[in-house]
């Protein structure tokens, strides 16, 4: 485990899931995806490392002592592991994911930090989870996999559970409302993945798998959804290609 507070602890095999054939289809967070997830996400999401570091920095800025930090769709625990190294005081770190395979990896990553922090893993759908007494809720590339109705319920649920002054840190895959821009974004995004070692066939297979389970919104639509949940102070923090990070304050 790195001692550099800005370096991510990535723990996975190389992502080769789409090198041969269309498997898995549709995309799901099963054992095979968990095995390669850290490599997959770091090579597939522009500015992934920068977003994780920003999430930790903003969490430290808005964390209130005695409250919880909740990572919704925590996957392999990369953000929580980084957060646990950055925080000098003991804190309650809660990771929520409906994939037991992901949580196994997360528990392995955070094992050295359990003597300093209270770490909880919840294997369940986030809309059934409690956000009470949390000062920071993080949702990185998670909301996009839910139905639109469940997205609104989850955001409202998170808003209601946050303490006053609490922060939502949200990163999502988005789409442009301008067709020509969306075409350009897609072309550059696929070039980004090719630059990171994915063959064009792998890119096409994964795109086909994700299209069945991931529905991106526009930035304006995401702003509207956050406003309906109760957040009035909302801004964009990071944006590259078809990925945007939002911050919202209760």
Protein backbone atom coordinates (compact mmCIF):
# COMPACT_ATOMS: atom_id res chain seq x y z
CA UNK A 1 0.00 0.00 0.00
CA UNK A 2 1.35 3.40 -1.01
CA UNK A 3 2.11 6.08 1.57
CA UNK A 4 1.62 8.82 -1.04
CA UNK A 5 -1.71 10.48 -0.10
CA UNK A 6 -2.45 11.24 -3.76
CA UNK A 7 -1.67 7.81 -5.14
CA UNK A 8 -4.43 5.28 -5.63
CA UNK A 9 -4.22 1.72 -4.37
CA UNK A 10 -5.33 -0.30 -7.40
CA UNK A 11 -5.60 -4.05 -6.96
CA UNK A 12 -6.60 -6.07 -10.00
CA UNK A 13 -5.55 -8.13 -12.97
CA UNK A 14 -5.33 -6.58 -16.44
CA UNK A 15 -8.70 -6.01 -18.08
CA UNK A 16 -8.96 -8.51 -20.92
CA UNK A 17 -12.65 -9.35 -20.62
CA UNK A 18 -13.58 -8.13 -24.08
CA UNK A 19 -10.48 -9.31 -25.89
CA UNK A 20 -12.25 -12.44 -27.14
CA UNK A 21 -15.96 -12.56 -27.86
CA UNK A 22 -18.79 -10.43 -26.51
CA UNK A 23 -18.75 -11.73 -22.91
CA UNK A 24 -20.07 -10.54 -20.48
CA UNK A 25 -23.25 -9.25 -22.06
CA UNK A 26 -25.06 -7.33 -20.73
CA UNK A 27 -22.50 -5.75 -18.41
CA UNK A 28 -22.73 -6.78 -14.76
CA UNK A 29 -20.50 -6.42 -11.73
CA UNK A 30 -19.78 -10.12 -11.32
CA UNK A 31 -16.66 -11.95 -10.14
CA UNK A 32 -14.88 -11.59 -13.48
CA UNK A 33 -15.45 -7.84 -13.60
CA UNK A 34 -14.33 -7.49 -9.96
CA UNK A 35 -11.13 -9.33 -10.85
CA UNK A 36 -10.12 -6.67 -13.39
CA UNK A 37 -12.18 -3.68 -12.24
CA UNK A 38 -9.40 -1.39 -11.03
CA UNK A 39 -7.51 -1.74 -14.29
CA UNK A 40 -10.74 -1.38 -16.29
CA UNK A 41 -11.93 1.81 -14.63
CA UNK A 42 -8.53 3.52 -14.57
CA UNK A 43 -8.08 2.87 -18.31
CA UNK A 44 -11.69 3.61 -19.30
CA UNK A 45 -12.64 6.75 -17.36
CA UNK A 46 -10.87 10.00 -18.28
CA UNK A 47 -9.23 11.70 -15.27
CA UNK A 48 -10.21 8.80 -13.01
CA UNK A 49 -7.25 9.29 -10.69
CA UNK A 50 -7.82 13.04 -10.54
CA UNK A 51 -11.49 12.51 -9.67
CA UNK A 52 -10.62 10.12 -6.84
CA UNK A 53 -8.09 12.57 -5.42
CA UNK A 54 -10.57 15.45 -5.75
CA UNK A 55 -13.22 13.35 -3.99
CA UNK A 56 -10.83 12.82 -1.08
CA UNK A 57 -9.88 16.50 -0.96
CA UNK A 58 -13.48 17.68 -0.99
CA UNK A 59 -14.46 15.06 1.55
CA UNK A 60 -11.75 16.26 3.91
CA UNK A 61 -12.98 19.85 3.43
CA UNK A 62 -16.62 19.06 4.26
CA UNK A 63 -16.30 16.14 6.67
CA UNK A 64 -17.79 16.90 10.08
CA UNK A 65 -16.37 15.08 13.08
CA UNK A 66 -18.67 12.42 14.48
CA UNK A 67 -20.52 11.88 11.20
CA UNK A 68 -20.19 9.22 8.50
CA UNK A 69 -18.57 9.26 5.06
CA UNK A 70 -20.64 7.11 2.70
CA UNK A 71 -19.43 5.78 -0.66
CA UNK A 72 -22.38 4.58 -2.75
CA UNK A 73 -21.34 1.99 -5.29
CA UNK A 74 -17.95 1.78 -3.62
CA UNK A 75 -16.84 -1.09 -5.90
CA UNK A 76 -13.34 -2.16 -4.81
CA UNK A 77 -13.00 0.60 -2.19
CA UNK A 78 -10.42 2.77 -3.97
CA UNK A 79 -11.88 6.07 -2.76
CA UNK A 80 -12.44 4.90 0.83
CA UNK A 81 -8.90 3.50 1.03
CA UNK A 82 -7.50 6.84 -0.10
CA UNK A 83 -9.78 8.68 2.30
CA UNK A 84 -8.74 6.48 5.18
CA UNK A 85 -5.09 7.32 4.58
CA UNK A 86 -5.75 11.05 4.33
CA UNK A 87 -7.87 11.44 7.47
CA UNK A 88 -5.78 11.72 10.60
CA UNK A 89 -8.74 11.41 12.97
CA UNK A 90 -10.83 8.29 13.37
CA UNK A 91 -13.91 8.28 11.16
CA UNK A 92 -16.82 6.07 10.15
CA UNK A 93 -16.32 4.94 6.56
CA UNK A 94 -19.28 3.17 4.96
CA UNK A 95 -19.09 1.40 1.61
CA UNK A 96 -22.31 0.37 -0.11
CA UNK A 97 -22.38 -1.96 -3.11
CA UNK A 98 -24.74 -4.67 -4.30
CA UNK A 99 -21.83 -6.81 -5.55
CA UNK A 100 -20.33 -9.09 -2.92
CA UNK A 101 -17.38 -9.69 -5.26
CA UNK A 102 -16.54 -5.99 -5.26
CA UNK A 103 -16.84 -5.75 -1.49
CA UNK A 104 -14.41 -8.64 -1.04
CA UNK A 105 -11.78 -6.62 -2.91
CA UNK A 106 -12.68 -3.49 -0.93
CA UNK A 107 -12.32 -5.25 2.41
CA UNK A 108 -8.89 -6.50 1.37
CA UNK A 109 -7.78 -2.96 0.47
CA UNK A 110 -8.97 -1.37 3.69
CA UNK A 111 -7.89 -4.13 6.07
CA UNK A 112 -4.82 -2.14 7.26
CA UNK A 113 -7.05 0.87 8.07
CA UNK A 114 -9.59 -0.88 10.29
CA UNK A 115 -7.55 -0.21 13.42
CA UNK A 116 -7.86 3.54 12.84
CA UNK A 117 -11.34 3.85 11.33
CA UNK A 118 -14.72 2.24 11.76
CA UNK A 119 -15.21 0.59 8.38
CA UNK A 120 -18.59 -0.83 7.41
CA UNK A 121 -19.51 -2.74 4.25
CA UNK A 122 -23.15 -2.98 3.19
CA UNK A 123 -23.97 -5.44 0.42
CA UNK A 124 -27.32 -4.04 -0.68
CA UNK A 125 -29.08 -1.66 -3.04
CA UNK A 126 -28.34 1.91 -2.04
CA UNK A 127 -31.98 3.00 -2.08
CA UNK A 128 -32.52 0.69 0.89
CA UNK A 129 -29.58 2.12 2.83
CA UNK A 130 -29.49 4.75 5.56
CA UNK A 131 -27.58 8.00 5.08
CA UNK A 132 -28.44 9.38 8.51
CA UNK A 133 -25.73 11.44 10.19
CA UNK A 134 -23.50 11.52 7.13
CA UNK A 135 -21.62 14.68 6.21
CA UNK A 136 -20.31 13.43 2.87
CA UNK A 137 -21.94 11.08 0.36
CA UNK A 138 -19.88 10.04 -2.65
CA UNK A 139 -21.39 8.51 -5.79
CA UNK A 140 -18.76 7.96 -8.44
CA UNK A 141 -20.05 6.39 -11.69
CA UNK A 142 -22.88 4.63 -9.84
CA UNK A 143 -26.10 6.56 -10.37
CA UNK A 144 -25.89 6.02 -14.14
CA UNK A 145 -26.64 2.30 -13.74
CA UNK A 146 -30.00 2.88 -12.01
CA UNK A 147 -33.41 3.51 -13.52
CA UNK A 148 -34.36 7.19 -13.67
CA UNK A 149 -36.94 6.72 -10.93
CA UNK A 150 -34.45 5.04 -8.63
CA UNK A 151 -31.88 7.77 -9.31
CA UNK A 152 -34.27 10.42 -8.08
CA UNK A 153 -35.21 8.35 -5.01
CA UNK A 154 -31.56 7.78 -4.14
CA UNK A 155 -30.57 11.43 -4.49
CA UNK A 156 -33.53 12.51 -2.37
CA UNK A 157 -32.70 9.83 0.20
CA UNK A 158 -29.09 11.02 0.35
CA UNK A 159 -30.13 14.65 0.70
CA UNK A 160 -32.47 13.83 3.58
CA UNK A 161 -29.76 11.85 5.41
CA UNK A 162 -27.00 14.43 5.07
CA UNK A 163 -26.45 16.76 8.02
CA UNK A 164 -26.76 20.52 7.32
CA UNK A 165 -23.69 21.63 5.37
CA UNK A 166 -23.21 18.08 4.09
CA UNK A 167 -21.72 17.42 0.67
CA UNK A 168 -22.70 15.18 -2.22
CA UNK A 169 -19.80 14.37 -4.57
CA UNK A 170 -21.22 12.88 -7.77
CA UNK A 171 -19.44 11.69 -10.92
CA UNK A 172 -21.40 10.46 -13.92
CA UNK A 173 -21.11 9.50 -17.55
CA UNK A 174 -23.12 12.15 -19.39
CA UNK A 175 -24.19 12.89 -22.95
CA UNK A 176 -24.27 16.13 -24.90
CA UNK A 177 -27.64 17.59 -25.87
CA UNK A 178 -25.99 18.64 -29.15
CA UNK A 179 -25.75 15.66 -31.54
CA UNK A 180 -22.66 16.96 -33.33
CA UNK A 181 -20.83 17.47 -30.03
CA UNK A 182 -21.87 14.01 -28.84
CA UNK A 183 -20.41 12.49 -31.99
CA UNK A 184 -17.13 14.34 -31.44
CA UNK A 185 -17.04 13.39 -27.77
CA UNK A 186 -17.59 9.73 -28.60
CA UNK A 187 -14.82 9.75 -31.19
CA UNK A 188 -12.30 11.29 -28.79
CA UNK A 189 -13.39 9.04 -25.92
CA UNK A 190 -12.83 5.93 -28.00
CA UNK A 191 -9.41 7.29 -29.03
CA UNK A 192 -8.65 7.77 -25.32
CA UNK A 193 -9.37 4.09 -24.68
CA UNK A 194 -7.32 3.01 -27.68
CA UNK A 195 -4.43 5.07 -26.32
CA UNK A 196 -4.77 3.12 -23.06
CA UNK A 197 -4.30 -0.19 -24.83
CA UNK A 198 -7.81 -1.32 -25.76
CA UNK A 199 -8.33 -2.74 -29.24
CA UNK A 200 -11.19 -1.33 -31.28
CA UNK A 201 -12.97 -4.69 -31.05
CA UNK A 202 -12.80 -4.54 -27.23
CA UNK A 203 -14.20 -1.00 -27.25
CA UNK A 204 -17.13 -2.00 -29.44
CA UNK A 205 -17.95 -5.12 -27.40
CA UNK A 206 -17.93 -3.24 -24.11
CA UNK A 207 -19.98 -0.38 -25.58
CA UNK A 208 -22.61 -2.89 -26.68
CA UNK A 209 -22.65 -4.49 -23.22
CA UNK A 210 -22.96 -1.15 -21.40
CA UNK A 211 -25.67 0.24 -23.67
CA UNK A 212 -28.07 -2.29 -22.18
CA UNK A 213 -27.57 -1.15 -18.58
CA UNK A 214 -26.25 2.44 -18.61
CA UNK A 215 -28.38 5.46 -19.57
CA UNK A 216 -26.51 8.79 -19.42
CA UNK A 217 -28.23 12.13 -18.83
CA UNK A 218 -27.22 15.57 -20.02
CA UNK A 219 -25.55 17.93 -17.55
CA UNK A 220 -28.73 20.03 -17.39
CA UNK A 221 -30.86 16.96 -16.69
CA UNK A 222 -28.52 15.99 -13.85
CA UNK A 223 -28.74 19.51 -12.41
CA UNK A 224 -32.54 19.26 -12.51
CA UNK A 225 -32.51 15.91 -10.74
CA UNK A 226 -30.22 17.24 -7.99
CA UNK A 227 -32.47 20.26 -7.56
CA UNK A 228 -35.56 18.07 -7.25
CA UNK A 229 -33.77 16.11 -4.53
CA UNK A 230 -33.41 19.33 -2.52
CA UNK A 231 -29.91 20.53 -3.39
CA UNK A 232 -29.84 24.24 -4.17
CA UNK A 233 -26.08 24.83 -4.27
CA UNK A 234 -24.76 22.77 -7.19
CA UNK A 235 -21.71 23.12 -9.40
CA UNK A 236 -19.59 21.15 -11.85
CA UNK A 237 -16.05 20.43 -10.73
CA UNK A 238 -14.39 18.28 -13.40
CA UNK A 239 -15.40 17.49 -16.96
CA UNK A 240 -13.69 15.62 -19.77
CA UNK A 241 -15.31 14.03 -22.80
CA UNK A 242 -18.49 12.29 -21.62
CA UNK A 243 -17.75 12.30 -17.87
CA UNK A 244 -18.61 15.07 -15.40
CA UNK A 245 -18.18 15.50 -11.65
CA UNK A 246 -20.76 17.50 -9.70
CA UNK A 247 -20.67 18.84 -6.14
CA UNK A 248 -23.85 19.72 -4.26
CA UNK A 249 -24.29 21.16 -0.77
CA UNK A 250 -27.17 20.68 1.66
